[in-house]
Amino acid sequence: AYEWNSDQWSVPVTLTASQYFELENIPMLLGGGVKYWAE
């Protein structure tokens, strides 16, 4: 995001990984990641 009036940037960069699986026929997605605020 860029705020034009205050000339400020917000730049979070996110890298994630997730895995699909089923547990007793219930579909699930387990994942995680890291978010870094570049600006």
PDB file of all heavy atoms in Angstrom:
ATOM      1  N   ALA A   1       0.855  -1.194   0.000  1.00  0.00           N
ATOM      2  CA  ALA A   1       0.000   0.000   0.000  1.00  0.00           C
ATOM      3  C   ALA A   1       0.890   1.242   0.000  1.00  0.00           C
ATOM      4  O   ALA A   1       1.949   1.265   0.622  1.00  0.00           O
ATOM      5  CB  ALA A   1      -0.909   0.011   1.224  1.00  0.00           C
ATOM      6  N   TYR A   2       0.413   2.253  -0.721  1.00  0.00           N
ATOM      7  CA  TYR A   2       1.117   3.534  -0.738  1.00  0.00           C
ATOM      8  C   TYR A   2       0.121   4.634  -0.411  1.00  0.00           C
ATOM      9  O   TYR A   2      -0.915   4.757  -1.074  1.00  0.00           O
ATOM     10  CB  TYR A   2       1.752   3.794  -2.102  1.00  0.00           C
ATOM     11  CG  TYR A   2       2.489   5.110  -2.154  1.00  0.00           C
ATOM     12  CD1 TYR A   2       3.660   5.295  -1.445  1.00  0.00           C
ATOM     13  CD2 TYR A   2       1.990   6.179  -2.891  1.00  0.00           C
ATOM     14  CE1 TYR A   2       4.341   6.500  -1.472  1.00  0.00           C
ATOM     15  CE2 TYR A   2       2.652   7.394  -2.925  1.00  0.00           C
ATOM     16  CZ  TYR A   2       3.828   7.549  -2.213  1.00  0.00           C
ATOM     17  OH  TYR A   2       4.488   8.749  -2.236  1.00  0.00           O
ATOM     18  N   GLU A   3       0.416   5.417   0.626  1.00  0.00           N
ATOM     19  CA  GLU A   3      -0.421   6.553   1.024  1.00  0.00           C
ATOM     20  C   GLU A   3       0.189   7.807   0.415  1.00  0.00           C
ATOM     21  O   GLU A   3       1.276   8.231   0.807  1.00  0.00           O
ATOM     22  CB  GLU A   3      -0.500   6.647   2.547  1.00  0.00           C
ATOM     23  CG  GLU A   3      -1.188   7.881   3.085  1.00  0.00           C
ATOM     24  CD  GLU A   3      -2.531   8.194   2.450  1.00  0.00           C
ATOM     25  OE1 GLU A   3      -3.426   7.329   2.412  1.00  0.00           O
ATOM     26  OE2 GLU A   3      -2.679   9.329   1.962  1.00  0.00           O
ATOM     27  N   TRP A   4      -0.502   8.356  -0.573  1.00  0.00           N
ATOM     28  CA  TRP A   4       0.023   9.469  -1.357  1.00  0.00           C
ATOM     29  C   TRP A   4       0.184  10.748  -0.544  1.00  0.00           C
ATOM     30  O   TRP A   4       1.132  11.499  -0.744  1.00  0.00           O
ATOM     31  CB  TRP A   4      -0.869   9.721  -2.576  1.00  0.00           C
ATOM     32  CG  TRP A   4      -0.808   8.598  -3.546  1.00  0.00           C
ATOM     33  CD1 TRP A   4      -1.578   7.464  -3.538  1.00  0.00           C
ATOM     34  CD2 TRP A   4       0.091   8.466  -4.638  1.00  0.00           C
ATOM     35  NE1 TRP A   4      -1.221   6.637  -4.561  1.00  0.00           N
ATOM     36  CE2 TRP A   4      -0.191   7.238  -5.274  1.00  0.00           C
ATOM     37  CE3 TRP A   4       1.107   9.265  -5.158  1.00  0.00           C
ATOM     38  CZ2 TRP A   4       0.506   6.784  -6.382  1.00  0.00           C
ATOM     39  CZ3 TRP A   4       1.792   8.814  -6.269  1.00  0.00           C
ATOM     40  CH2 TRP A   4       1.492   7.597  -6.863  1.00  0.00           C
ATOM     41  N   ASN A   5      -0.728  11.030   0.370  1.00  0.00           N
ATOM     42  CA  ASN A   5      -0.657  12.285   1.140  1.00  0.00           C
ATOM     43  C   ASN A   5       0.517  12.320   2.108  1.00  0.00           C
ATOM     44  O   ASN A   5       1.125  13.360   2.317  1.00  0.00           O
ATOM     45  CB  ASN A   5      -1.962  12.531   1.891  1.00  0.00           C
ATOM     46  CG  ASN A   5      -3.123  12.764   0.949  1.00  0.00           C
ATOM     47  OD1 ASN A   5      -2.939  13.079  -0.220  1.00  0.00           O
ATOM     48  ND2 ASN A   5      -4.331  12.591   1.455  1.00  0.00           N
ATOM     49  N   SER A   6       0.824  11.181   2.715  1.00  0.00           N
ATOM     50  CA  SER A   6       1.923  11.143   3.678  1.00  0.00           C
ATOM     51  C   SER A   6       3.206  10.555   3.089  1.00  0.00           C
ATOM     52  O   SER A   6       4.213  10.466   3.784  1.00  0.00           O
ATOM     53  CB  SER A   6       1.517  10.342   4.915  1.00  0.00           C
ATOM     54  OG  SER A   6       1.229   9.005   4.554  1.00  0.00           O
ATOM     55  N   ASP A   7       3.161  10.137   1.825  1.00  0.00           N
ATOM     56  CA  ASP A   7       4.323   9.570   1.136  1.00  0.00           C
ATOM     57  C   ASP A   7       4.902   8.394   1.930  1.00  0.00           C
ATOM     58  O   ASP A   7       6.094   8.327   2.194  1.00  0.00           O
ATOM     59  CB  ASP A   7       5.390  10.660   0.910  1.00  0.00           C
ATOM     60  CG  ASP A   7       6.516  10.184   0.003  1.00  0.00           C
ATOM     61  OD1 ASP A   7       6.270   9.333  -0.863  1.00  0.00           O
ATOM     62  OD2 ASP A   7       7.656  10.654   0.186  1.00  0.00           O
ATOM     63  N   GLN A   8       4.007   7.441   2.337  1.00  0.00           N
ATOM     64  CA  GLN A   8       4.439   6.294   3.127  1.00  0.00           C
ATOM     65  C   GLN A   8       4.068   4.987   2.432  1.00  0.00           C
ATOM     66  O   GLN A   8       2.949   4.829   1.931  1.00  0.00           O
ATOM     67  CB  GLN A   8       3.797   6.309   4.512  1.00  0.00           C
ATOM     68  CG  GLN A   8       4.312   7.403   5.398  1.00  0.00           C
ATOM     69  CD  GLN A   8       3.796   7.260   6.817  1.00  0.00           C
ATOM     70  OE1 GLN A   8       2.794   6.596   7.080  1.00  0.00           O
ATOM     71  NE2 GLN A   8       4.491   7.876   7.749  1.00  0.00           N
ATOM     72  N   TRP A   9       5.013   4.065   2.435  1.00  0.00           N
ATOM     73  CA  TRP A   9       4.820   2.731   1.892  1.00  0.00           C
ATOM     74  C   TRP A   9       4.600   1.725   3.012  1.00  0.00           C
ATOM     75  O   TRP A   9       5.216   1.821   4.068  1.00  0.00           O
ATOM     76  CB  TRP A   9       6.060   2.284   1.127  1.00  0.00           C
ATOM     77  CG  TRP A   9       6.259   2.921  -0.200  1.00  0.00           C
ATOM     78  CD1 TRP A   9       7.012   4.022  -0.459  1.00  0.00           C
ATOM     79  CD2 TRP A   9       5.714   2.496  -1.439  1.00  0.00           C
ATOM     80  NE1 TRP A   9       6.979   4.310  -1.800  1.00  0.00           N
ATOM     81  CE2 TRP A   9       6.188   3.381  -2.424  1.00  0.00           C
ATOM     82  CE3 TRP A   9       4.879   1.461  -1.821  1.00  0.00           C
ATOM     83  CZ2 TRP A   9       5.846   3.251  -3.766  1.00  0.00           C
ATOM     84  CZ3 TRP A   9       4.542   1.338  -3.164  1.00  0.00           C
ATOM     85  CH2 TRP A   9       5.016   2.225  -4.115  1.00  0.00           C
ATOM     86  N   SER A  10       3.760   0.727   2.752  1.00  0.00           N
ATOM     87  CA  SER A  10       3.638  -0.475   3.576  1.00  0.00           C
ATOM     88  C   SER A  10       3.887  -1.657   2.650  1.00  0.00           C
ATOM     89  O   SER A  10       3.120  -1.872   1.704  1.00  0.00           O
ATOM     90  CB  SER A  10       2.242  -0.611   4.183  1.00  0.00           C
ATOM     91  OG  SER A  10       2.004   0.397   5.115  1.00  0.00           O
ATOM     92  N   VAL A  11       4.957  -2.406   2.903  1.00  0.00           N
ATOM     93  CA  VAL A  11       5.316  -3.498   1.997  1.00  0.00           C
ATOM     94  C   VAL A  11       5.639  -4.764   2.797  1.00  0.00           C
ATOM     95  O   VAL A  11       6.802  -5.059   3.062  1.00  0.00           O
ATOM     96  CB  VAL A  11       6.506  -3.119   1.093  1.00  0.00           C
ATOM     97  CG1 VAL A  11       6.759  -4.221   0.051  1.00  0.00           C
ATOM     98  CG2 VAL A  11       6.282  -1.783   0.409  1.00  0.00           C
ATOM     99  N   PRO A  12       4.613  -5.521   3.200  1.00  0.00           N
ATOM    100  CA  PRO A  12       4.877  -6.820   3.795  1.00  0.00           C
ATOM    101  C   PRO A  12       5.015  -7.877   2.689  1.00  0.00           C
ATOM    102  O   PRO A  12       4.272  -7.865   1.711  1.00  0.00           O
ATOM    103  CB  PRO A  12       3.630  -7.083   4.639  1.00  0.00           C
ATOM    104  CG  PRO A  12       2.546  -6.356   3.916  1.00  0.00           C
ATOM    105  CD  PRO A  12       3.202  -5.157   3.279  1.00  0.00           C
ATOM    106  N   VAL A  13       5.987  -8.760   2.833  1.00  0.00           N
ATOM    107  CA  VAL A  13       6.199  -9.849   1.884  1.00  0.00           C
ATOM    108  C   VAL A  13       6.004 -11.150   2.651  1.00  0.00           C
ATOM    109  O   VAL A  13       6.607 -11.343   3.712  1.00  0.00           O
ATOM    110  CB  VAL A  13       7.609  -9.784   1.266  1.00  0.00           C
ATOM    111  CG1 VAL A  13       7.835 -10.942   0.314  1.00  0.00           C
ATOM    112  CG2 VAL A  13       7.821  -8.455   0.564  1.00  0.00           C
ATOM    113  N   THR A  14       5.156 -12.040   2.116  1.00  0.00           N
ATOM    114  CA  THR A  14       4.801 -13.271   2.817  1.00  0.00           C
ATOM    115  C   THR A  14       5.160 -14.492   1.983  1.00  0.00           C
ATOM    116  O   THR A  14       4.836 -14.552   0.796  1.00  0.00           O
ATOM    117  CB  THR A  14       3.294 -13.300   3.134  1.00  0.00           C
ATOM    118  OG1 THR A  14       2.939 -12.109   3.840  1.00  0.00           O
ATOM    119  CG2 THR A  14       2.927 -14.505   3.974  1.00  0.00           C
ATOM    120  N   LEU A  15       5.817 -15.455   2.609  1.00  0.00           N
ATOM    121  CA  LEU A  15       6.134 -16.740   1.977  1.00  0.00           C
ATOM    122  C   LEU A  15       5.483 -17.826   2.822  1.00  0.00           C
ATOM    123  O   LEU A  15       5.736 -17.912   4.039  1.00  0.00           O
ATOM    124  CB  LEU A  15       7.647 -16.948   1.917  1.00  0.00           C
ATOM    125  CG  LEU A  15       8.116 -18.278   1.339  1.00  0.00           C
ATOM    126  CD1 LEU A  15       7.681 -18.424  -0.119  1.00  0.00           C
ATOM    127  CD2 LEU A  15       9.626 -18.401   1.468  1.00  0.00           C
ATOM    128  N   THR A  16       4.622 -18.634   2.205  1.00  0.00           N
ATOM    129  CA  THR A  16       3.909 -19.682   2.939  1.00  0.00           C
ATOM    130  C   THR A  16       3.997 -21.012   2.204  1.00  0.00           C
ATOM    131  O   THR A  16       4.232 -21.064   0.994  1.00  0.00           O
ATOM    132  CB  THR A  16       2.419 -19.344   3.141  1.00  0.00           C
ATOM    133  OG1 THR A  16       1.796 -19.198   1.869  1.00  0.00           O
ATOM    134  CG2 THR A  16       2.242 -18.088   3.959  1.00  0.00           C
ATOM    135  N   ALA A  17       3.773 -22.077   2.955  1.00  0.00           N
ATOM    136  CA  ALA A  17       3.653 -23.427   2.402  1.00  0.00           C
ATOM    137  C   ALA A  17       2.503 -24.101   3.127  1.00  0.00           C
ATOM    138  O   ALA A  17       2.312 -23.902   4.333  1.00  0.00           O
ATOM    139  CB  ALA A  17       4.937 -24.214   2.591  1.00  0.00           C
ATOM    140  N   SER A  18       1.721 -24.887   2.401  1.00  0.00           N
ATOM    141  CA  SER A  18       0.610 -25.610   3.022  1.00  0.00           C
ATOM    142  C   SER A  18       0.467 -26.980   2.371  1.00  0.00           C
ATOM    143  O   SER A  18       0.837 -27.180   1.216  1.00  0.00           O
ATOM    144  CB  SER A  18      -0.695 -24.815   2.899  1.00  0.00           C
ATOM    145  OG  SER A  18      -1.002 -24.563   1.549  1.00  0.00           O
ATOM    146  N   GLN A  19      -0.067 -27.905   3.137  1.00  0.00           N
ATOM    147  CA  GLN A  19      -0.236 -29.280   2.679  1.00  0.00           C
ATOM    148  C   GLN A  19      -1.680 -29.717   2.853  1.00  0.00           C
ATOM    149  O   GLN A  19      -2.245 -29.599   3.941  1.00  0.00           O
ATOM    150  CB  GLN A  19       0.690 -30.218   3.458  1.00  0.00           C
ATOM    151  CG  GLN A  19       0.544 -31.675   3.109  1.00  0.00           C
ATOM    152  CD  GLN A  19       0.928 -31.981   1.672  1.00  0.00           C
ATOM    153  OE1 GLN A  19       1.985 -31.561   1.219  1.00  0.00           O
ATOM    154  NE2 GLN A  19       0.081 -32.694   0.947  1.00  0.00           N
ATOM    155  N   TYR A  20      -2.265 -30.245   1.782  1.00  0.00           N
ATOM    156  CA  TYR A  20      -3.613 -30.822   1.826  1.00  0.00           C
ATOM    157  C   TYR A  20      -3.503 -32.254   2.325  1.00  0.00           C
ATOM    158  O   TYR A  20      -2.609 -33.007   1.927  1.00  0.00           O
ATOM    159  CB  TYR A  20      -4.240 -30.806   0.430  1.00  0.00           C
ATOM    160  CG  TYR A  20      -5.556 -31.539   0.373  1.00  0.00           C
ATOM    161  CD1 TYR A  20      -6.727 -30.909   0.737  1.00  0.00           C
ATOM    162  CD2 TYR A  20      -5.606 -32.874  -0.021  1.00  0.00           C
ATOM    163  CE1 TYR A  20      -7.938 -31.582   0.710  1.00  0.00           C
ATOM    164  CE2 TYR A  20      -6.806 -33.552  -0.052  1.00  0.00           C
ATOM    165  CZ  TYR A  20      -7.968 -32.904   0.320  1.00  0.00           C
ATOM    166  OH  TYR A  20      -9.153 -33.573   0.293  1.00  0.00           O
ATOM    167  N   PHE A  21      -4.436 -32.654   3.210  1.00  0.00           N
ATOM    168  CA  PHE A  21      -4.508 -34.038   3.669  1.00  0.00           C
ATOM    169  C   PHE A  21      -5.922 -34.304   4.176  1.00  0.00           C
ATOM    170  O   PHE A  21      -6.727 -33.390   4.319  1.00  0.00           O
ATOM    171  CB  PHE A  21      -3.469 -34.320   4.768  1.00  0.00           C
ATOM    172  CG  PHE A  21      -3.692 -33.563   6.043  1.00  0.00           C
ATOM    173  CD1 PHE A  21      -4.340 -34.163   7.114  1.00  0.00           C
ATOM    174  CD2 PHE A  21      -3.259 -32.248   6.178  1.00  0.00           C
ATOM    175  CE1 PHE A  21      -4.555 -33.464   8.300  1.00  0.00           C
ATOM    176  CE2 PHE A  21      -3.461 -31.550   7.349  1.00  0.00           C
ATOM    177  CZ  PHE A  21      -4.108 -32.161   8.415  1.00  0.00           C
ATOM    178  N   GLU A  22      -6.216 -35.572   4.412  1.00  0.00           N
ATOM    179  CA  GLU A  22      -7.507 -35.959   4.975  1.00  0.00           C
ATOM    180  C   GLU A  22      -7.271 -36.721   6.266  1.00  0.00           C
ATOM    181  O   GLU A  22      -6.374 -37.564   6.345  1.00  0.00           O
ATOM    182  CB  GLU A  22      -8.295 -36.815   3.994  1.00  0.00           C
ATOM    183  CG  GLU A  22      -8.741 -36.034   2.778  1.00  0.00           C
ATOM    184  CD  GLU A  22      -9.597 -36.851   1.824  1.00  0.00           C
ATOM    185  OE1 GLU A  22      -9.946 -38.007   2.154  1.00  0.00           O
ATOM    186  OE2 GLU A  22      -9.906 -36.324   0.757  1.00  0.00           O
ATOM    187  N   LEU A  23      -8.077 -36.408   7.267  1.00  0.00           N
ATOM    188  CA  LEU A  23      -8.026 -37.085   8.554  1.00  0.00           C
ATOM    189  C   LEU A  23      -9.404 -37.671   8.793  1.00  0.00           C
ATOM    190  O   LEU A  23     -10.372 -36.917   8.973  1.00  0.00           O
ATOM    191  CB  LEU A  23      -7.644 -36.103   9.666  1.00  0.00           C
ATOM    192  CG  LEU A  23      -7.459 -36.672  11.065  1.00  0.00           C
ATOM    193  CD1 LEU A  23      -6.337 -37.711  11.090  1.00  0.00           C
ATOM    194  CD2 LEU A  23      -7.168 -35.558  12.046  1.00  0.00           C
ATOM    195  N   GLU A  24      -9.514 -38.990   8.755  1.00  0.00           N
ATOM    196  CA  GLU A  24     -10.790 -39.685   8.872  1.00  0.00           C
ATOM    197  C   GLU A  24     -11.818 -39.125   7.896  1.00  0.00           C
ATOM    198  O   GLU A  24     -12.935 -38.773   8.273  1.00  0.00           O
ATOM    199  CB  GLU A  24     -11.288 -39.657  10.312  1.00  0.00           C
ATOM    200  CG  GLU A  24     -10.372 -40.388  11.269  1.00  0.00           C
ATOM    201  CD  GLU A  24     -10.970 -40.573  12.649  1.00  0.00           C
ATOM    202  OE1 GLU A  24     -12.199 -40.450  12.802  1.00  0.00           O
ATOM    203  OE2 GLU A  24     -10.194 -40.850  13.568  1.00  0.00           O
ATOM    204  N   ASN A  25     -11.434 -39.003   6.642  1.00  0.00           N
ATOM    205  CA  ASN A  25     -12.261 -38.518   5.532  1.00  0.00           C
ATOM    206  C   ASN A  25     -12.661 -37.048   5.649  1.00  0.00           C
ATOM    207  O   ASN A  25     -13.600 -36.606   4.985  1.00  0.00           O
ATOM    208  CB  ASN A  25     -13.510 -39.390   5.349  1.00  0.00           C
ATOM    209  CG  ASN A  25     -13.150 -40.798   4.919  1.00  0.00           C
ATOM    210  OD1 ASN A  25     -12.205 -40.991   4.152  1.00  0.00           O
ATOM    211  ND2 ASN A  25     -13.879 -41.777   5.407  1.00  0.00           N
ATOM    212  N   ILE A  26     -11.995 -36.285   6.513  1.00  0.00           N
ATOM    213  CA  ILE A  26     -12.251 -34.850   6.630  1.00  0.00           C
ATOM    214  C   ILE A  26     -11.090 -34.124   5.959  1.00  0.00           C
ATOM    215  O   ILE A  26      -9.952 -34.231   6.417  1.00  0.00           O
ATOM    216  CB  ILE A  26     -12.383 -34.408   8.103  1.00  0.00           C
ATOM    217  CG1 ILE A  26     -13.538 -35.151   8.783  1.00  0.00           C
ATOM    218  CG2 ILE A  26     -12.575 -32.902   8.194  1.00  0.00           C
ATOM    219  CD1 ILE A  26     -13.621 -34.941  10.275  1.00  0.00           C
ATOM    220  N   PRO A  27     -11.352 -33.408   4.860  1.00  0.00           N
ATOM    221  CA  PRO A  27     -10.264 -32.700   4.180  1.00  0.00           C
ATOM    222  C   PRO A  27      -9.757 -31.519   5.007  1.00  0.00           C
ATOM    223  O   PRO A  27     -10.548 -30.769   5.578  1.00  0.00           O
ATOM    224  CB  PRO A  27     -10.895 -32.241   2.868  1.00  0.00           C
ATOM    225  CG  PRO A  27     -12.354 -32.263   3.093  1.00  0.00           C
ATOM    226  CD  PRO A  27     -12.623 -33.245   4.181  1.00  0.00           C
ATOM    227  N   MET A  28      -8.432 -31.398   5.064  1.00  0.00           N
ATOM    228  CA  MET A  28      -7.807 -30.332   5.855  1.00  0.00           C
ATOM    229  C   MET A  28      -6.621 -29.749   5.096  1.00  0.00           C
ATOM    230  O   MET A  28      -6.096 -30.369   4.179  1.00  0.00           O
ATOM    231  CB  MET A  28      -7.337 -30.866   7.201  1.00  0.00           C
ATOM    232  CG  MET A  28      -8.434 -31.372   8.077  1.00  0.00           C
ATOM    233  SD  MET A  28      -7.803 -31.821   9.687  1.00  0.00           S
ATOM    234  CE  MET A  28      -9.282 -32.447  10.440  1.00  0.00           C
ATOM    235  N   LEU A  29      -6.222 -28.579   5.553  1.00  0.00           N
ATOM    236  CA  LEU A  29      -5.066 -27.889   4.988  1.00  0.00           C
ATOM    237  C   LEU A  29      -4.238 -27.370   6.159  1.00  0.00           C
ATOM    238  O   LEU A  29      -4.741 -26.610   6.994  1.00  0.00           O
ATOM    239  CB  LEU A  29      -5.531 -26.732   4.102  1.00  0.00           C
ATOM    240  CG  LEU A  29      -4.526 -26.090   3.180  1.00  0.00           C
ATOM    241  CD1 LEU A  29      -4.056 -27.079   2.121  1.00  0.00           C
ATOM    242  CD2 LEU A  29      -5.146 -24.881   2.504  1.00  0.00           C
ATOM    243  N   LEU A  30      -2.988 -27.809   6.245  1.00  0.00           N
ATOM    244  CA  LEU A  30      -2.085 -27.368   7.301  1.00  0.00           C
ATOM    245  C   LEU A  30      -0.955 -26.590   6.656  1.00  0.00           C
ATOM    246  O   LEU A  30      -0.356 -27.051   5.677  1.00  0.00           O
ATOM    247  CB  LEU A  30      -1.519 -28.570   8.061  1.00  0.00           C
ATOM    248  CG  LEU A  30      -0.490 -28.264   9.146  1.00  0.00           C
ATOM    249  CD1 LEU A  30      -1.133 -27.451  10.278  1.00  0.00           C
ATOM    250  CD2 LEU A  30       0.117 -29.552   9.684  1.00  0.00           C
ATOM    251  N   GLY A  31      -0.683 -25.404   7.187  1.00  0.00           N
ATOM    252  CA  GLY A  31       0.369 -24.586   6.582  1.00  0.00           C
ATOM    253  C   GLY A  31       0.928 -23.561   7.534  1.00  0.00           C
ATOM    254  O   GLY A  31       0.466 -23.395   8.657  1.00  0.00           O
ATOM    255  N   GLY A  32       1.906 -22.866   7.033  1.00  0.00           N
ATOM    256  CA  GLY A  32       2.514 -21.817   7.824  1.00  0.00           C
ATOM    257  C   GLY A  32       3.467 -21.022   6.962  1.00  0.00           C
ATOM    258  O   GLY A  32       3.687 -21.340   5.792  1.00  0.00           O
ATOM    259  N   GLY A  33       4.001 -19.971   7.558  1.00  0.00           N
ATOM    260  CA  GLY A  33       4.919 -19.162   6.782  1.00  0.00           C
ATOM    261  C   GLY A  33       5.506 -18.025   7.583  1.00  0.00           C
ATOM    262  O   GLY A  33       5.329 -17.936   8.803  1.00  0.00           O
ATOM    263  N   VAL A  34       6.183 -17.165   6.860  1.00  0.00           N
ATOM    264  CA  VAL A  34       6.835 -16.014   7.461  1.00  0.00           C
ATOM    265  C   VAL A  34       6.427 -14.755   6.692  1.00  0.00           C
ATOM    266  O   VAL A  34       6.286 -14.794   5.468  1.00  0.00           O
ATOM    267  CB  VAL A  34       8.374 -16.188   7.483  1.00  0.00           C
ATOM    268  CG1 VAL A  34       8.941 -16.321   6.090  1.00  0.00           C
ATOM    269  CG2 VAL A  34       9.039 -15.060   8.232  1.00  0.00           C
ATOM    270  N   LYS A  35       6.182 -13.686   7.426  1.00  0.00           N
ATOM    271  CA  LYS A  35       5.880 -12.383   6.825  1.00  0.00           C
ATOM    272  C   LYS A  35       6.972 -11.421   7.267  1.00  0.00           C
ATOM    273  O   LYS A  35       7.271 -11.322   8.463  1.00  0.00           O
ATOM    274  CB  LYS A  35       4.527 -11.862   7.276  1.00  0.00           C
ATOM    275  CG  LYS A  35       4.200 -10.472   6.708  1.00  0.00           C
ATOM    276  CD  LYS A  35       2.905  -9.919   7.264  1.00  0.00           C
ATOM    277  CE  LYS A  35       1.745 -10.552   6.532  1.00  0.00           C
ATOM    278  NZ  LYS A  35       0.454  -9.891   6.849  1.00  0.00           N
ATOM    279  N   TYR A  36       7.578 -10.732   6.301  1.00  0.00           N
ATOM    280  CA  TYR A  36       8.632  -9.767   6.589  1.00  0.00           C
ATOM    281  C   TYR A  36       8.200  -8.398   6.072  1.00  0.00           C
ATOM    282  O   TYR A  36       7.765  -8.275   4.926  1.00  0.00           O
ATOM    283  CB  TYR A  36       9.946 -10.185   5.919  1.00  0.00           C
ATOM    284  CG  TYR A  36      11.023  -9.144   6.080  1.00  0.00           C
ATOM    285  CD1 TYR A  36      11.633  -8.947   7.317  1.00  0.00           C
ATOM    286  CD2 TYR A  36      11.413  -8.344   5.023  1.00  0.00           C
ATOM    287  CE1 TYR A  36      12.606  -7.982   7.482  1.00  0.00           C
ATOM    288  CE2 TYR A  36      12.384  -7.377   5.173  1.00  0.00           C
ATOM    289  CZ  TYR A  36      12.979  -7.203   6.410  1.00  0.00           C
ATOM    290  OH  TYR A  36      13.934  -6.243   6.572  1.00  0.00           O
ATOM    291  N   TRP A  37       8.309  -7.389   6.915  1.00  0.00           N
ATOM    292  CA  TRP A  37       7.946  -6.028   6.533  1.00  0.00           C
ATOM    293  C   TRP A  37       9.155  -5.369   5.891  1.00  0.00           C
ATOM    294  O   TRP A  37      10.053  -4.875   6.575  1.00  0.00           O
ATOM    295  CB  TRP A  37       7.455  -5.242   7.742  1.00  0.00           C
ATOM    296  CG  TRP A  37       6.122  -5.737   8.193  1.00  0.00           C
ATOM    297  CD1 TRP A  37       5.879  -6.796   9.015  1.00  0.00           C
ATOM    298  CD2 TRP A  37       4.858  -5.227   7.808  1.00  0.00           C
ATOM    299  NE1 TRP A  37       4.530  -6.970   9.163  1.00  0.00           N
ATOM    300  CE2 TRP A  37       3.875  -6.018   8.437  1.00  0.00           C
ATOM    301  CE3 TRP A  37       4.453  -4.167   6.982  1.00  0.00           C
ATOM    302  CZ2 TRP A  37       2.518  -5.784   8.274  1.00  0.00           C
ATOM    303  CZ3 TRP A  37       3.097  -3.939   6.836  1.00  0.00           C
ATOM    304  CH2 TRP A  37       2.155  -4.743   7.466  1.00  0.00           C
ATOM    305  N   ALA A  38       9.203  -5.376   4.551  1.00  0.00           N
ATOM    306  CA  ALA A  38      10.305  -4.764   3.816  1.00  0.00           C
ATOM    307  C   ALA A  38      10.296  -3.244   3.971  1.00  0.00           C
ATOM    308  O   ALA A  38      11.345  -2.604   3.972  1.00  0.00           O
ATOM    309  CB  ALA A  38      10.232  -5.150   2.341  1.00  0.00           C
ATOM    310  N   GLU A  39       9.099  -2.676   4.100  1.00  0.00           N
ATOM    311  CA  GLU A  39       8.935  -1.231   4.323  1.00  0.00           C
ATOM    312  C   GLU A  39       7.713  -1.052   5.212  1.00  0.00           C
ATOM    313  O   GLU A  39       6.671  -1.668   4.982  1.00  0.00           O
ATOM    314  CB  GLU A  39       8.737  -0.505   2.997  1.00  0.00           C
ATOM    315  CG  GLU A  39       8.687   0.989   3.091  1.00  0.00           C
ATOM    316  CD  GLU A  39      10.040   1.629   3.395  1.00  0.00           C
ATOM    317  OE1 GLU A  39      11.061   1.082   2.980  1.00  0.00           O
ATOM    318  OE2 GLU A  39      10.050   2.680   4.056  1.00  0.00           O
TER     319      GLU A  39
END
